PDB file of N, CA and C in Angstrom:
ATOM      1  N   MET A   1      -4.567   2.213 -27.840  1.00  0.00           N
ATOM      2  CA  MET A   1      -5.583   3.251 -27.457  1.00  0.00           C
ATOM      3  C   MET A   1      -5.264   4.270 -26.574  1.00  0.00           C
ATOM      4  N   LEU A   2      -5.317   5.625 -26.417  1.00  0.00           N
ATOM      5  CA  LEU A   2      -4.974   6.570 -25.398  1.00  0.00           C
ATOM      6  C   LEU A   2      -6.101   6.469 -24.721  1.00  0.00           C
ATOM      7  N   LYS A   3      -5.537   6.954 -23.364  1.00  0.00           N
ATOM      8  CA  LYS A   3      -6.895   7.038 -22.325  1.00  0.00           C
ATOM      9  C   LYS A   3      -5.900   8.076 -21.350  1.00  0.00           C
ATOM     10  N   LEU A   4      -6.725   9.172 -20.858  1.00  0.00           N
ATOM     11  CA  LEU A   4      -6.118   9.969 -19.846  1.00  0.00           C
ATOM     12  C   LEU A   4      -6.053   9.351 -18.569  1.00  0.00           C
ATOM     13  N   SER A   5      -4.891   9.991 -17.995  1.00  0.00           N
ATOM     14  CA  SER A   5      -4.666   8.926 -16.479  1.00  0.00           C
ATOM     15  C   SER A   5      -5.742   8.889 -15.473  1.00  0.00           C
ATOM     16  N   ASP A   6      -6.677   9.813 -15.600  1.00  0.00           N
ATOM     17  CA  ASP A   6      -7.860   9.859 -14.919  1.00  0.00           C
ATOM     18  C   ASP A   6      -8.828   8.793 -14.916  1.00  0.00           C
ATOM     19  N   SER A   7      -8.900   8.322 -16.346  1.00  0.00           N
ATOM     20  CA  SER A   7      -9.639   7.310 -16.592  1.00  0.00           C
ATOM     21  C   SER A   7      -9.429   5.787 -16.073  1.00  0.00           C
ATOM     22  N   LEU A   8      -8.226   5.715 -15.597  1.00  0.00           N
ATOM     23  CA  LEU A   8      -7.281   4.428 -15.095  1.00  0.00           C
ATOM     24  C   LEU A   8      -7.051   4.485 -13.560  1.00  0.00           C
ATOM     25  N   ILE A   9      -6.483   5.756 -12.834  1.00  0.00           N
ATOM     26  CA  ILE A   9      -5.865   5.896 -11.804  1.00  0.00           C
ATOM     27  C   ILE A   9      -7.189   6.257 -10.911  1.00  0.00           C
ATOM     28  N   GLY A  10      -7.478   5.428  -9.547  1.00  0.00           N
ATOM     29  CA  GLY A  10      -8.288   5.873  -8.797  1.00  0.00           C
ATOM     30  C   GLY A  10      -9.660   5.227  -9.241  1.00  0.00           C
ATOM     31  N   ARG A  11      -9.655   4.302 -10.110  1.00  0.00           N
ATOM     32  CA  ARG A  11     -10.858   3.384 -10.606  1.00  0.00           C
ATOM     33  C   ARG A  11     -11.149   2.132  -9.821  1.00  0.00           C
ATOM     34  N   PRO A  12     -12.396   1.417  -9.621  1.00  0.00           N
ATOM     35  CA  PRO A  12     -12.494   0.164  -9.076  1.00  0.00           C
ATOM     36  C   PRO A  12     -11.690  -0.783 -10.089  1.00  0.00           C
ATOM     37  N   VAL A  13     -11.327  -1.874  -9.595  1.00  0.00           N
ATOM     38  CA  VAL A  13     -10.973  -3.192 -10.198  1.00  0.00           C
ATOM     39  C   VAL A  13     -12.107  -4.252  -9.915  1.00  0.00           C
ATOM     40  N   MET A  14     -12.825  -4.392 -10.892  1.00  0.00           N
ATOM     41  CA  MET A  14     -13.834  -5.269 -10.568  1.00  0.00           C
ATOM     42  C   MET A  14     -13.536  -6.579 -11.391  1.00  0.00           C
ATOM     43  N   SER A  15     -14.347  -7.646 -10.233  1.00  0.00           N
ATOM     44  CA  SER A  15     -13.953  -9.189 -10.487  1.00  0.00           C
ATOM     45  C   SER A  15     -15.220  -9.640 -11.511  1.00  0.00           C
ATOM     46  N   LEU A  16     -14.991 -10.328 -12.690  1.00  0.00           N
ATOM     47  CA  LEU A  16     -15.907 -10.943 -13.269  1.00  0.00           C
ATOM     48  C   LEU A  16     -16.729 -12.391 -12.323  1.00  0.00           C
ATOM     49  N   ARG A  17     -15.805 -12.886 -11.643  1.00  0.00           N
ATOM     50  CA  ARG A  17     -16.425 -13.875 -10.911  1.00  0.00           C
ATOM     51  C   ARG A  17     -17.268 -13.559 -10.021  1.00  0.00           C
ATOM     52  N   THR A  18     -17.315 -12.529  -9.151  1.00  0.00           N
ATOM     53  CA  THR A  18     -18.307 -12.385  -7.983  1.00  0.00           C
ATOM     54  C   THR A  18     -18.826 -10.847  -8.314  1.00  0.00           C
ATOM     55  N   GLY A  19     -18.341 -10.002  -9.568  1.00  0.00           N
ATOM     56  CA  GLY A  19     -19.091  -9.367  -9.714  1.00  0.00           C
ATOM     57  C   GLY A  19     -18.936  -7.919  -8.992  1.00  0.00           C
ATOM     58  N   GLN A  20     -18.120  -8.114  -7.839  1.00  0.00           N
ATOM     59  CA  GLN A  20     -17.869  -6.966  -6.954  1.00  0.00           C
ATOM     60  C   GLN A  20     -16.580  -6.267  -7.191  1.00  0.00           C
ATOM     61  N   GLN A  21     -16.528  -5.404  -6.539  1.00  0.00           N
ATOM     62  CA  GLN A  21     -15.179  -4.368  -6.545  1.00  0.00           C
ATOM     63  C   GLN A  21     -14.165  -5.390  -5.813  1.00  0.00           C
ATOM     64  N   ALA A  22     -12.766  -5.504  -6.479  1.00  0.00           N
ATOM     65  CA  ALA A  22     -11.926  -6.226  -5.717  1.00  0.00           C
ATOM     66  C   ALA A  22     -10.728  -5.476  -5.232  1.00  0.00           C
ATOM     67  N   ALA A  23     -10.662  -4.197  -5.936  1.00  0.00           N
ATOM     68  CA  ALA A  23      -9.429  -3.114  -5.501  1.00  0.00           C
ATOM     69  C   ALA A  23      -9.665  -2.151  -6.018  1.00  0.00           C
ATOM     70  N   THR A  24      -8.939  -0.814  -5.871  1.00  0.00           N
ATOM     71  CA  THR A  24      -8.941   0.358  -6.239  1.00  0.00           C
ATOM     72  C   THR A  24      -7.559   0.667  -7.036  1.00  0.00           C
ATOM     73  N   THR A  25      -7.540   1.158  -8.197  1.00  0.00           N
ATOM     74  CA  THR A  25      -6.104   1.526  -8.848  1.00  0.00           C
ATOM     75  C   THR A  25      -5.324   2.957  -7.978  1.00  0.00           C
ATOM     76  N   THR A  26      -4.158   2.689  -7.605  1.00  0.00           N
ATOM     77  CA  THR A  26      -3.420   3.912  -7.128  1.00  0.00           C
ATOM     78  C   THR A  26      -2.738   4.687  -7.667  1.00  0.00           C
ATOM     79  N   SER A  27      -2.045   3.862  -8.710  1.00  0.00           N
ATOM     80  CA  SER A  27      -0.671   4.651  -9.278  1.00  0.00           C
ATOM     81  C   SER A  27      -0.213   3.525 -10.591  1.00  0.00           C
ATOM     82  N   ALA A  28       0.186   3.901 -11.554  1.00  0.00           N
ATOM     83  CA  ALA A  28       0.557   3.229 -12.624  1.00  0.00           C
ATOM     84  C   ALA A  28       1.954   2.664 -12.401  1.00  0.00           C
ATOM     85  N   ILE A  29       2.429   1.522 -12.958  1.00  0.00           N
ATOM     86  CA  ILE A  29       3.682   0.811 -12.710  1.00  0.00           C
ATOM     87  C   ILE A  29       4.178   1.196 -14.269  1.00  0.00           C
ATOM     88  N   ILE A  30       5.333   2.140 -14.239  1.00  0.00           N
ATOM     89  CA  ILE A  30       5.749   2.323 -15.743  1.00  0.00           C
ATOM     90  C   ILE A  30       7.067   2.136 -15.913  1.00  0.00           C
ATOM     91  N   ASN A  31       7.529   1.305 -17.142  1.00  0.00           N
ATOM     92  CA  ASN A  31       8.927   0.962 -16.936  1.00  0.00           C
ATOM     93  C   ASN A  31       9.603   2.360 -17.926  1.00  0.00           C
ATOM     94  N   PRO A  32      10.612   3.172 -17.043  1.00  0.00           N
ATOM     95  CA  PRO A  32      11.461   4.110 -17.587  1.00  0.00           C
ATOM     96  C   PRO A  32      12.122   3.972 -19.093  1.00  0.00           C
ATOM     97  N   ASN A  33      12.438   2.586 -19.287  1.00  0.00           N
ATOM     98  CA  ASN A  33      13.265   2.509 -20.282  1.00  0.00           C
ATOM     99  C   ASN A  33      12.470   2.490 -21.562  1.00  0.00           C
ATOM    100  N   ASN A  34      11.274   2.182 -21.666  1.00  0.00           N
ATOM    101  CA  ASN A  34      10.749   1.976 -22.986  1.00  0.00           C
ATOM    102  C   ASN A  34       8.976   2.844 -22.343  1.00  0.00           C
ATOM    103  N   LEU A  35       8.653   3.140 -21.586  1.00  0.00           N
ATOM    104  CA  LEU A  35       7.635   4.087 -21.193  1.00  0.00           C
ATOM    105  C   LEU A  35       6.407   3.010 -21.260  1.00  0.00           C
ATOM    106  N   LYS A  36       6.568   1.930 -21.147  1.00  0.00           N
ATOM    107  CA  LYS A  36       5.296   0.770 -20.798  1.00  0.00           C
ATOM    108  C   LYS A  36       4.844   0.744 -19.956  1.00  0.00           C
ATOM    109  N   ILE A  37       3.592   0.866 -19.745  1.00  0.00           N
ATOM    110  CA  ILE A  37       2.726   0.492 -18.492  1.00  0.00           C
ATOM    111  C   ILE A  37       2.951  -0.914 -18.258  1.00  0.00           C
ATOM    112  N   GLU A  38       3.638  -1.354 -17.275  1.00  0.00           N
ATOM    113  CA  GLU A  38       3.603  -2.805 -16.762  1.00  0.00           C
ATOM    114  C   GLU A  38       2.489  -3.179 -16.083  1.00  0.00           C
ATOM    115  N   GLY A  39       1.992  -2.384 -15.312  1.00  0.00           N
ATOM    116  CA  GLY A  39       0.842  -2.649 -14.308  1.00  0.00           C
ATOM    117  C   GLY A  39       0.136  -1.619 -13.835  1.00  0.00           C
ATOM    118  N   PHE A  40      -0.613  -1.662 -12.699  1.00  0.00           N
ATOM    119  CA  PHE A  40      -0.902  -0.840 -11.791  1.00  0.00           C
ATOM    120  C   PHE A  40      -0.870  -1.335 -10.156  1.00  0.00           C
ATOM    121  N   TYR A  41      -0.463  -0.531  -9.375  1.00  0.00           N
ATOM    122  CA  TYR A  41      -0.443  -0.611  -7.864  1.00  0.00           C
ATOM    123  C   TYR A  41      -2.216  -0.282  -7.471  1.00  0.00           C
ATOM    124  N   CYS A  42      -2.357  -1.399  -6.688  1.00  0.00           N
ATOM    125  CA  CYS A  42      -3.841  -1.367  -6.132  1.00  0.00           C
ATOM    126  C   CYS A  42      -3.906  -1.272  -4.922  1.00  0.00           C
ATOM    127  N   ALA A  43      -4.861  -0.694  -4.117  1.00  0.00           N
ATOM    128  CA  ALA A  43      -5.414  -0.871  -2.699  1.00  0.00           C
ATOM    129  C   ALA A  43      -6.431  -2.137  -2.552  1.00  0.00           C
ATOM    130  N   ASP A  44      -6.023  -3.101  -1.982  1.00  0.00           N
ATOM    131  CA  ASP A  44      -7.080  -4.306  -1.692  1.00  0.00           C
ATOM    132  C   ASP A  44      -8.009  -3.805  -1.057  1.00  0.00           C
ATOM    133  N   LYS A  45      -9.636  -4.267  -1.467  1.00  0.00           N
ATOM    134  CA  LYS A  45     -10.699  -3.743  -0.884  1.00  0.00           C
ATOM    135  C   LYS A  45     -10.760  -4.478   0.543  1.00  0.00           C
ATOM    136  N   PHE A  46     -10.266  -5.588   0.579  1.00  0.00           N
ATOM    137  CA  PHE A  46     -10.626  -6.409   1.906  1.00  0.00           C
ATOM    138  C   PHE A  46      -9.563  -6.091   2.982  1.00  0.00           C
ATOM    139  N   SER A  47      -8.214  -6.286   2.633  1.00  0.00           N
ATOM    140  CA  SER A  47      -6.962  -6.024   3.450  1.00  0.00           C
ATOM    141  C   SER A  47      -6.595  -4.776   3.365  1.00  0.00           C
ATOM    142  N   ARG A  48      -6.953  -3.766   2.501  1.00  0.00           N
ATOM    143  CA  ARG A  48      -6.153  -2.419   2.301  1.00  0.00           C
ATOM    144  C   ARG A  48      -4.781  -2.577   1.947  1.00  0.00           C
ATOM    145  N   LYS A  49      -4.013  -3.821   1.569  1.00  0.00           N
ATOM    146  CA  LYS A  49      -2.829  -4.168   1.512  1.00  0.00           C
ATOM    147  C   LYS A  49      -2.529  -3.531   0.060  1.00  0.00           C
ATOM    148  N   GLU A  50      -1.266  -3.208  -0.215  1.00  0.00           N
ATOM    149  CA  GLU A  50      -0.655  -2.355  -1.371  1.00  0.00           C
ATOM    150  C   GLU A  50      -0.500  -3.822  -2.451  1.00  0.00           C
ATOM    151  N   LEU A  51      -1.356  -4.120  -3.671  1.00  0.00           N
ATOM    152  CA  LEU A  51      -1.061  -5.081  -4.438  1.00  0.00           C
ATOM    153  C   LEU A  51      -0.806  -4.784  -5.940  1.00  0.00           C
ATOM    154  N   VAL A  52      -0.472  -5.552  -6.739  1.00  0.00           N
ATOM    155  CA  VAL A  52      -0.101  -5.403  -7.972  1.00  0.00           C
ATOM    156  C   VAL A  52      -0.806  -6.075  -9.196  1.00  0.00           C
ATOM    157  N   LEU A  53      -1.443  -5.020 -10.073  1.00  0.00           N
ATOM    158  CA  LEU A  53      -2.354  -5.853 -11.087  1.00  0.00           C
ATOM    159  C   LEU A  53      -1.443  -5.530 -12.299  1.00  0.00           C
ATOM    160  N   LEU A  54      -1.026  -6.566 -12.913  1.00  0.00           N
ATOM    161  CA  LEU A  54      -0.352  -6.582 -14.083  1.00  0.00           C
ATOM    162  C   LEU A  54      -1.265  -6.713 -15.420  1.00  0.00           C
ATOM    163  N   TYR A  55      -0.684  -5.668 -16.256  1.00  0.00           N
ATOM    164  CA  TYR A  55      -1.536  -5.249 -17.768  1.00  0.00           C
ATOM    165  C   TYR A  55      -2.103  -6.561 -18.033  1.00  0.00           C
ATOM    166  N   GLN A  56      -1.470  -7.506 -18.445  1.00  0.00           N
ATOM    167  CA  GLN A  56      -2.050  -8.469 -19.103  1.00  0.00           C
ATOM    168  C   GLN A  56      -3.065  -8.996 -18.466  1.00  0.00           C
ATOM    169  N   ASP A  57      -3.317  -8.928 -17.094  1.00  0.00           N
ATOM    170  CA  ASP A  57      -4.570  -9.550 -16.610  1.00  0.00           C
ATOM    171  C   ASP A  57      -6.028  -8.623 -16.577  1.00  0.00           C
ATOM    172  N   ILE A  58      -5.879  -7.544 -17.003  1.00  0.00           N
ATOM    173  CA  ILE A  58      -6.847  -6.460 -17.267  1.00  0.00           C
ATOM    174  C   ILE A  58      -7.462  -7.249 -18.539  1.00  0.00           C
ATOM    175  N   ARG A  59      -8.971  -7.390 -18.456  1.00  0.00           N
ATOM    176  CA  ARG A  59      -9.759  -8.260 -19.518  1.00  0.00           C
ATOM    177  C   ARG A  59     -10.283  -7.044 -20.394  1.00  0.00           C
ATOM    178  N   ASP A  60     -10.667  -5.700 -19.481  1.00  0.00           N
ATOM    179  CA  ASP A  60     -11.597  -4.851 -20.196  1.00  0.00           C
ATOM    180  C   ASP A  60     -11.302  -3.603 -19.175  1.00  0.00           C
ATOM    181  N   VAL A  61     -11.610  -2.478 -19.802  1.00  0.00           N
ATOM    182  CA  VAL A  61     -11.804  -1.110 -19.227  1.00  0.00           C
ATOM    183  C   VAL A  61     -13.074  -0.795 -19.562  1.00  0.00           C
ATOM    184  N   ILE A  62     -14.212  -0.462 -18.575  1.00  0.00           N
ATOM    185  CA  ILE A  62     -15.426  -0.247 -18.741  1.00  0.00           C
ATOM    186  C   ILE A  62     -15.628   1.198 -17.725  1.00  0.00           C
ATOM    187  N   PRO A  63     -16.844   1.930 -18.039  1.00  0.00           N
ATOM    188  CA  PRO A  63     -17.053   2.839 -17.152  1.00  0.00           C
ATOM    189  C   PRO A  63     -17.103   2.552 -15.612  1.00  0.00           C
ATOM    190  N   GLN A  64     -17.255   1.535 -15.169  1.00  0.00           N
ATOM    191  CA  GLN A  64     -17.418   1.345 -14.151  1.00  0.00           C
ATOM    192  C   GLN A  64     -15.845   0.919 -13.573  1.00  0.00           C
ATOM    193  N   GLY A  65     -14.719   0.549 -14.168  1.00  0.00           N
ATOM    194  CA  GLY A  65     -13.540   0.803 -13.905  1.00  0.00           C
ATOM    195  C   GLY A  65     -12.814  -0.498 -14.644  1.00  0.00           C
ATOM    196  N   LEU A  66     -11.661  -1.114 -14.144  1.00  0.00           N
ATOM    197  CA  LEU A  66     -11.043  -2.340 -14.863  1.00  0.00           C
ATOM    198  C   LEU A  66     -11.638  -3.677 -14.525  1.00  0.00           C
ATOM    199  N   VAL A  67     -11.888  -4.375 -15.568  1.00  0.00           N
ATOM    200  CA  VAL A  67     -12.462  -5.659 -15.374  1.00  0.00           C
ATOM    201  C   VAL A  67     -11.029  -6.844 -15.089  1.00  0.00           C
ATOM    202  N   VAL A  68     -11.313  -7.804 -14.218  1.00  0.00           N
ATOM    203  CA  VAL A  68     -10.508  -8.755 -14.097  1.00  0.00           C
ATOM    204  C   VAL A  68     -11.177  -9.886 -14.020  1.00  0.00           C
ATOM    205  N   ASN A  69     -10.293 -11.254 -14.128  1.00  0.00           N
ATOM    206  CA  ASN A  69     -10.979 -12.524 -14.157  1.00  0.00           C
ATOM    207  C   ASN A  69     -11.520 -12.922 -12.629  1.00  0.00           C
ATOM    208  N   ASP A  70     -10.523 -12.493 -11.626  1.00  0.00           N
ATOM    209  CA  ASP A  70     -10.731 -12.931 -10.066  1.00  0.00           C
ATOM    210  C   ASP A  70      -9.944 -11.956  -9.406  1.00  0.00           C
ATOM    211  N   HIS A  71     -10.007 -11.833  -8.223  1.00  0.00           N
ATOM    212  CA  HIS A  71      -9.144 -11.137  -6.950  1.00  0.00           C
ATOM    213  C   HIS A  71      -7.817 -11.921  -7.155  1.00  0.00           C
ATOM    214  N   ASP A  72      -7.761 -13.047  -7.708  1.00  0.00           N
ATOM    215  CA  ASP A  72      -6.608 -13.860  -7.428  1.00  0.00           C
ATOM    216  C   ASP A  72      -5.375 -13.143  -8.379  1.00  0.00           C
ATOM    217  N   VAL A  73      -5.844 -12.655  -9.258  1.00  0.00           N
ATOM    218  CA  VAL A  73      -4.907 -12.086 -10.092  1.00  0.00           C
ATOM    219  C   VAL A  73      -4.177 -10.953  -9.480  1.00  0.00           C
ATOM    220  N   LEU A  74      -4.558 -10.242  -8.473  1.00  0.00           N
ATOM    221  CA  LEU A  74      -3.780  -9.035  -7.712  1.00  0.00           C
ATOM    222  C   LEU A  74      -2.769 -10.009  -6.988  1.00  0.00           C
ATOM    223  N   ALA A  75      -1.406  -9.312  -7.334  1.00  0.00           N
ATOM    224  CA  ALA A  75      -0.255 -10.130  -6.796  1.00  0.00           C
ATOM    225  C   ALA A  75       0.531  -9.404  -5.658  1.00  0.00           C
ATOM    226  N   ASP A  76       1.168  -9.770  -4.662  1.00  0.00           N
ATOM    227  CA  ASP A  76       1.854  -9.251  -3.779  1.00  0.00           C
ATOM    228  C   ASP A  76       3.289  -8.352  -4.758  1.00  0.00           C
ATOM    229  N   PRO A  77       3.678  -7.581  -4.282  1.00  0.00           N
ATOM    230  CA  PRO A  77       4.867  -6.925  -4.938  1.00  0.00           C
ATOM    231  C   PRO A  77       6.105  -7.505  -4.824  1.00  0.00           C
ATOM    232  N   ASP A  78       6.260  -8.390  -3.779  1.00  0.00           N
ATOM    233  CA  ASP A  78       7.653  -9.156  -3.340  1.00  0.00           C
ATOM    234  C   ASP A  78       7.447 -10.268  -4.564  1.00  0.00           C
ATOM    235  N   GLU A  79       6.287 -10.859  -4.724  1.00  0.00           N
ATOM    236  CA  GLU A  79       6.230 -12.026  -5.937  1.00  0.00           C
ATOM    237  C   GLU A  79       6.723 -11.835  -7.111  1.00  0.00           C
ATOM    238  N   LEU A  80       6.620 -10.261  -7.711  1.00  0.00           N
ATOM    239  CA  LEU A  80       7.080 -10.043  -9.137  1.00  0.00           C
ATOM    240  C   LEU A  80       8.374  -9.909  -9.230  1.00  0.00           C
ATOM    241  N   VAL A  81       9.235 -11.034  -9.409  1.00  0.00           N
ATOM    242  CA  VAL A  81      10.683 -10.698  -9.524  1.00  0.00           C
ATOM    243  C   VAL A  81      11.161  -9.915 -10.615  1.00  0.00           C
ATOM    244  N   ARG A  82      10.390  -9.983 -11.631  1.00  0.00           N
ATOM    245  CA  ARG A  82      11.058  -9.450 -13.135  1.00  0.00           C
ATOM    246  C   ARG A  82      10.505  -8.233 -12.813  1.00  0.00           C
ATOM    247  N   LEU A  83       9.818  -7.635 -11.961  1.00  0.00           N
ATOM    248  CA  LEU A  83       9.312  -6.442 -12.200  1.00  0.00           C
ATOM    249  C   LEU A  83      10.045  -5.469 -11.185  1.00  0.00           C
ATOM    250  N   LYS A  84      10.859  -6.220 -10.371  1.00  0.00           N
ATOM    251  CA  LYS A  84      11.304  -5.757  -8.962  1.00  0.00           C
ATOM    252  C   LYS A  84      12.427  -4.436  -9.375  1.00  0.00           C
ATOM    253  N   GLU A  85      12.834  -4.586 -10.062  1.00  0.00           N
ATOM    254  CA  GLU A  85      13.707  -3.212 -10.413  1.00  0.00           C
ATOM    255  C   GLU A  85      12.906  -2.150 -11.070  1.00  0.00           C
ATOM    256  N   VAL A  86      11.927  -2.347 -11.804  1.00  0.00           N
ATOM    257  CA  VAL A  86      11.117  -1.485 -12.341  1.00  0.00           C
ATOM    258  C   VAL A  86      10.039  -0.451 -11.464  1.00  0.00           C
ATOM    259  N   MET A  87       9.687  -1.318 -10.235  1.00  0.00           N
ATOM    260  CA  MET A  87       8.713  -1.107  -9.006  1.00  0.00           C
ATOM    261  C   MET A  87       9.688  -0.300  -8.095  1.00  0.00           C
ATOM    262  N   SER A  88      11.201  -0.481  -8.039  1.00  0.00           N
ATOM    263  CA  SER A  88      12.056   0.089  -7.189  1.00  0.00           C
ATOM    264  C   SER A  88      12.098   1.671  -7.644  1.00  0.00           C
ATOM    265  N   ILE A  89      11.989   1.679  -8.726  1.00  0.00           N
ATOM    266  CA  ILE A  89      12.373   2.942  -9.446  1.00  0.00           C
ATOM    267  C   ILE A  89      11.331   3.997  -9.040  1.00  0.00           C
ATOM    268  N   ARG A  90       9.893   3.514  -9.124  1.00  0.00           N
ATOM    269  CA  ARG A  90       8.702   4.400  -8.850  1.00  0.00           C
ATOM    270  C   ARG A  90       8.563   5.582  -9.764  1.00  0.00           C
ATOM    271  N   PHE A  91       8.577   5.238 -11.140  1.00  0.00           N
ATOM    272  CA  PHE A  91       8.895   6.275 -12.068  1.00  0.00           C
ATOM    273  C   PHE A  91       7.550   6.934 -12.150  1.00  0.00           C
ATOM    274  N   GLU A  92       7.239   8.240 -12.198  1.00  0.00           N
ATOM    275  CA  GLU A  92       5.980   8.946 -12.560  1.00  0.00           C
ATOM    276  C   GLU A  92       6.468   9.880 -13.822  1.00  0.00           C
ATOM    277  N   LEU A  93       5.473   9.795 -14.820  1.00  0.00           N
ATOM    278  CA  LEU A  93       5.602  10.643 -15.897  1.00  0.00           C
ATOM    279  C   LEU A  93       4.799  11.977 -15.802  1.00  0.00           C
ATOM    280  N   ILE A  94       3.759  12.037 -14.866  1.00  0.00           N
ATOM    281  CA  ILE A  94       3.330  13.316 -14.696  1.00  0.00           C
ATOM    282  C   ILE A  94       4.165  14.305 -13.803  1.00  0.00           C
ATOM    283  N   GLY A  95       4.526  15.419 -14.625  1.00  0.00           N
ATOM    284  CA  GLY A  95       5.171  16.290 -14.110  1.00  0.00           C
ATOM    285  C   GLY A  95       6.775  16.317 -14.566  1.00  0.00           C
ATOM    286  N   LYS A  96       6.973  15.570 -15.539  1.00  0.00           N
ATOM    287  CA  LYS A  96       8.367  15.755 -16.346  1.00  0.00           C
ATOM    288  C   LYS A  96       7.992  16.608 -17.558  1.00  0.00           C
ATOM    289  N   GLN A  97       9.271  17.261 -17.823  1.00  0.00           N
ATOM    290  CA  GLN A  97       9.450  18.142 -18.737  1.00  0.00           C
ATOM    291  C   GLN A  97       9.249  17.612 -20.179  1.00  0.00           C
ATOM    292  N   VAL A  98       8.466  18.089 -21.059  1.00  0.00           N
ATOM    293  CA  VAL A  98       7.819  17.449 -22.328  1.00  0.00           C
ATOM    294  C   VAL A  98       8.806  18.403 -23.542  1.00  0.00           C
ATOM    295  N   ALA A  99       9.216  17.835 -24.557  1.00  0.00           N
ATOM    296  CA  ALA A  99       9.852  18.648 -25.652  1.00  0.00           C
ATOM    297  C   ALA A  99       9.765  17.811 -26.937  1.00  0.00           C
ATOM    298  N   THR A 100       9.517  18.799 -28.112  1.00  0.00           N
ATOM    299  CA  THR A 100       9.171  18.064 -29.177  1.00  0.00           C
ATOM    300  C   THR A 100      10.457  17.477 -30.127  1.00  0.00           C
ATOM    301  N   LEU A 101      10.386  17.048 -30.994  1.00  0.00           N
ATOM    302  CA  LEU A 101      11.511  16.505 -31.708  1.00  0.00           C
ATOM    303  C   LEU A 101      12.488  17.567 -32.318  1.00  0.00           C
ATOM    304  N   SER A 102      12.015  18.931 -32.240  1.00  0.00           N
ATOM    305  CA  SER A 102      12.619  20.179 -32.718  1.00  0.00           C
ATOM    306  C   SER A 102      13.478  20.663 -31.440  1.00  0.00           C
ATOM    307  N   LYS A 103      13.503  19.983 -30.309  1.00  0.00           N
ATOM    308  CA  LYS A 103      13.926  20.418 -29.133  1.00  0.00           C
ATOM    309  C   LYS A 103      13.360  21.565 -28.441  1.00  0.00           C
ATOM    310  N   GLN A 104      12.036  21.950 -28.887  1.00  0.00           N
ATOM    311  CA  GLN A 104      11.314  22.929 -28.557  1.00  0.00           C
ATOM    312  C   GLN A 104      10.659  22.531 -27.120  1.00  0.00           C
ATOM    313  N   ARG A 105      10.793  23.303 -26.030  1.00  0.00           N
ATOM    314  CA  ARG A 105      10.359  22.970 -24.780  1.00  0.00           C
ATOM    315  C   ARG A 105       9.211  23.416 -24.508  1.00  0.00           C
ATOM    316  N   LEU A 106       8.220  22.347 -24.039  1.00  0.00           N
ATOM    317  CA  LEU A 106       6.795  22.402 -23.701  1.00  0.00           C
ATOM    318  C   LEU A 106       6.607  22.730 -22.523  1.00  0.00           C
ATOM    319  N   GLU A 107       5.718  22.655 -21.771  1.00  0.00           N
ATOM    320  CA  GLU A 107       5.252  22.731 -20.614  1.00  0.00           C
ATOM    321  C   GLU A 107       5.419  21.303 -19.886  1.00  0.00           C
ATOM    322  N   LYS A 108       4.998  20.940 -18.755  1.00  0.00           N
ATOM    323  CA  LYS A 108       5.110  19.920 -17.990  1.00  0.00           C
ATOM    324  C   LYS A 108       4.041  18.831 -18.189  1.00  0.00           C
ATOM    325  N   CYS A 109       4.390  17.541 -18.084  1.00  0.00           N
ATOM    326  CA  CYS A 109       3.077  16.730 -18.783  1.00  0.00           C
ATOM    327  C   CYS A 109       2.073  16.672 -17.424  1.00  0.00           C
ATOM    328  N   LEU A 110       0.742  16.847 -17.864  1.00  0.00           N
ATOM    329  CA  LEU A 110      -0.061  16.900 -16.900  1.00  0.00           C
ATOM    330  C   LEU A 110      -0.911  15.414 -16.631  1.00  0.00           C
ATOM    331  N   THR A 111      -1.186  14.712 -17.872  1.00  0.00           N
ATOM    332  CA  THR A 111      -2.045  13.699 -17.950  1.00  0.00           C
ATOM    333  C   THR A 111      -0.825  12.737 -18.530  1.00  0.00           C
ATOM    334  N   SER A 112      -1.003  11.197 -18.321  1.00  0.00           N
ATOM    335  CA  SER A 112      -0.382  10.250 -19.056  1.00  0.00           C
ATOM    336  C   SER A 112      -1.341   9.123 -19.253  1.00  0.00           C
ATOM    337  N   LEU A 113      -0.666   8.076 -19.773  1.00  0.00           N
ATOM    338  CA  LEU A 113      -1.258   6.802 -20.212  1.00  0.00           C
ATOM    339  C   LEU A 113      -2.134   7.062 -21.494  1.00  0.00           C
TER     340      LEU A 113
END
């Protein structure tokens, strides 16, 4: 399913267990090798610390935000060993040059995801 980045970035992360907001998404973690979204950086509502929400922990996307089981699914970036290399790159898709298959250059990418 295609979604504009505005519908996922800056959105609340809602906990099903408490029914409250647990965090707010700040940016996407994109793997530059396959352009797959691995997760999202989030600002924790309680500690204001930067945490990571992995894509497989998202249960649903609703108008109120992204739905997860509980606040416990948000992980510290240092704990995610497999994603350490991808996170260190901090790849951003917005602003990159876009070209068609026939090598026709288009403008820059304005929205992603």
